[in-house]
Structures are given as structure tokens and as C-alpha cells.
Amino acid sequence: MKRKFDAKIRKVGNSFVVTIPKDTIDRFELQEGDFIAVDLDPEDVKKEK
């Protein structure tokens, strides 16, 4: 099942972080420390300022 959401990229130390909304965390039963794969399609990624 696919899920789309808007996210802001933040810098933490030398890394960048994307916050996943709570409803998405709950839906996929994610927990701190889980590894996930992110599939980015250039045609679907829209950058806003």
C-alpha cells in the first residue's frame, strides 16, 4: 500500500532528517530504530520553499 505525505527536511548534525507523520507511523507500525526504504521518483518529488 502506498502512502504520500508532505515532509520538511531538517539538518541534525551532519545528517538530514525527514519527519514521518504520526498517522503514517501508526499505519505501518513503525518504531524508532526501524530501517525503511524510500523510493523517490523525480517526476513525483515536488520541492517547495
C-alpha atoms as a PDB file:
ATOM      1  CA  MET A   1       0.000   0.000   0.000  1.00  0.00           C
ATOM      2  CA  LYS A   2       1.346   3.413  -0.959  1.00  0.00           C
ATOM      3  CA  ARG A   3       1.194   6.472   1.213  1.00  0.00           C
ATOM      4  CA  LYS A   4       2.028  10.060   0.237  1.00  0.00           C
ATOM      5  CA  PHE A   5       2.736  12.884   2.652  1.00  0.00           C
ATOM      6  CA  ASP A   6       4.443  16.261   2.719  1.00  0.00           C
ATOM      7  CA  ALA A   7       7.594  16.478   4.798  1.00  0.00           C
ATOM      8  CA  LYS A   8      10.165  19.083   5.722  1.00  0.00           C
ATOM      9  CA  ILE A   9      13.862  18.212   5.600  1.00  0.00           C
ATOM     10  CA  ARG A  10      15.864  19.304   8.664  1.00  0.00           C
ATOM     11  CA  LYS A  11      19.572  19.138   9.361  1.00  0.00           C
ATOM     12  CA  VAL A  12      20.647  17.331  12.537  1.00  0.00           C
ATOM     13  CA  GLY A  13      24.415  17.266  12.967  1.00  0.00           C
ATOM     14  CA  ASN A  14      25.863  16.107   9.648  1.00  0.00           C
ATOM     15  CA  SER A  15      22.658  14.315   8.586  1.00  0.00           C
ATOM     16  CA  PHE A  16      19.328  15.358   7.126  1.00  0.00           C
ATOM     17  CA  VAL A  17      16.077  14.170   8.711  1.00  0.00           C
ATOM     18  CA  VAL A  18      12.573  13.759   7.273  1.00  0.00           C
ATOM     19  CA  THR A  19       9.789  13.643   9.847  1.00  0.00           C
ATOM     20  CA  ILE A  20       7.154  10.969   9.193  1.00  0.00           C
ATOM     21  CA  PRO A  21       3.621  11.933  10.296  1.00  0.00           C
ATOM     22  CA  LYS A  22       2.169  10.009  13.258  1.00  0.00           C
ATOM     23  CA  ASP A  23      -0.733   8.549  11.254  1.00  0.00           C
ATOM     24  CA  THR A  24       1.793   7.046   8.819  1.00  0.00           C
ATOM     25  CA  ILE A  25       3.901   5.711  11.715  1.00  0.00           C
ATOM     26  CA  ASP A  26       0.787   4.067  13.172  1.00  0.00           C
ATOM     27  CA  ARG A  27      -0.464   2.718   9.841  1.00  0.00           C
ATOM     28  CA  PHE A  28       2.829   0.945   9.084  1.00  0.00           C
ATOM     29  CA  GLU A  29       3.563   0.094  12.735  1.00  0.00           C
ATOM     30  CA  LEU A  30       6.965   1.791  12.577  1.00  0.00           C
ATOM     31  CA  GLN A  31       9.165   2.168  15.639  1.00  0.00           C
ATOM     32  CA  GLU A  32      12.304   4.114  16.487  1.00  0.00           C
ATOM     33  CA  GLY A  33      15.299   2.246  15.089  1.00  0.00           C
ATOM     34  CA  ASP A  34      13.387   0.630  12.201  1.00  0.00           C
ATOM     35  CA  PHE A  35      15.010   0.832   8.780  1.00  0.00           C
ATOM     36  CA  ILE A  36      12.804   1.826   5.857  1.00  0.00           C
ATOM     37  CA  ALA A  37      13.426   2.110   2.109  1.00  0.00           C
ATOM     38  CA  VAL A  38      12.496   5.404   0.476  1.00  0.00           C
ATOM     39  CA  ASP A  39      11.612   5.270  -3.233  1.00  0.00           C
ATOM     40  CA  LEU A  40      11.898   8.726  -4.802  1.00  0.00           C
ATOM     41  CA  ASP A  41      10.705   9.290  -8.367  1.00  0.00           C
ATOM     42  CA  PRO A  42      11.968  12.597  -9.834  1.00  0.00           C
ATOM     43  CA  GLU A  43       8.592  13.118 -11.510  1.00  0.00           C
ATOM     44  CA  ASP A  44       6.760  12.801  -8.169  1.00  0.00           C
ATOM     45  CA  VAL A  45       9.064  14.854  -5.918  1.00  0.00           C
ATOM     46  CA  LYS A  46       7.990  18.487  -5.738  1.00  0.00           C
ATOM     47  CA  LYS A  47      10.226  20.983  -3.949  1.00  0.00           C
ATOM     48  CA  GLU A  48       8.554  23.978  -2.289  1.00  0.00           C
ATOM     49  CA  LYS A  49      10.116  26.886  -0.426  1.00  0.00           C
END
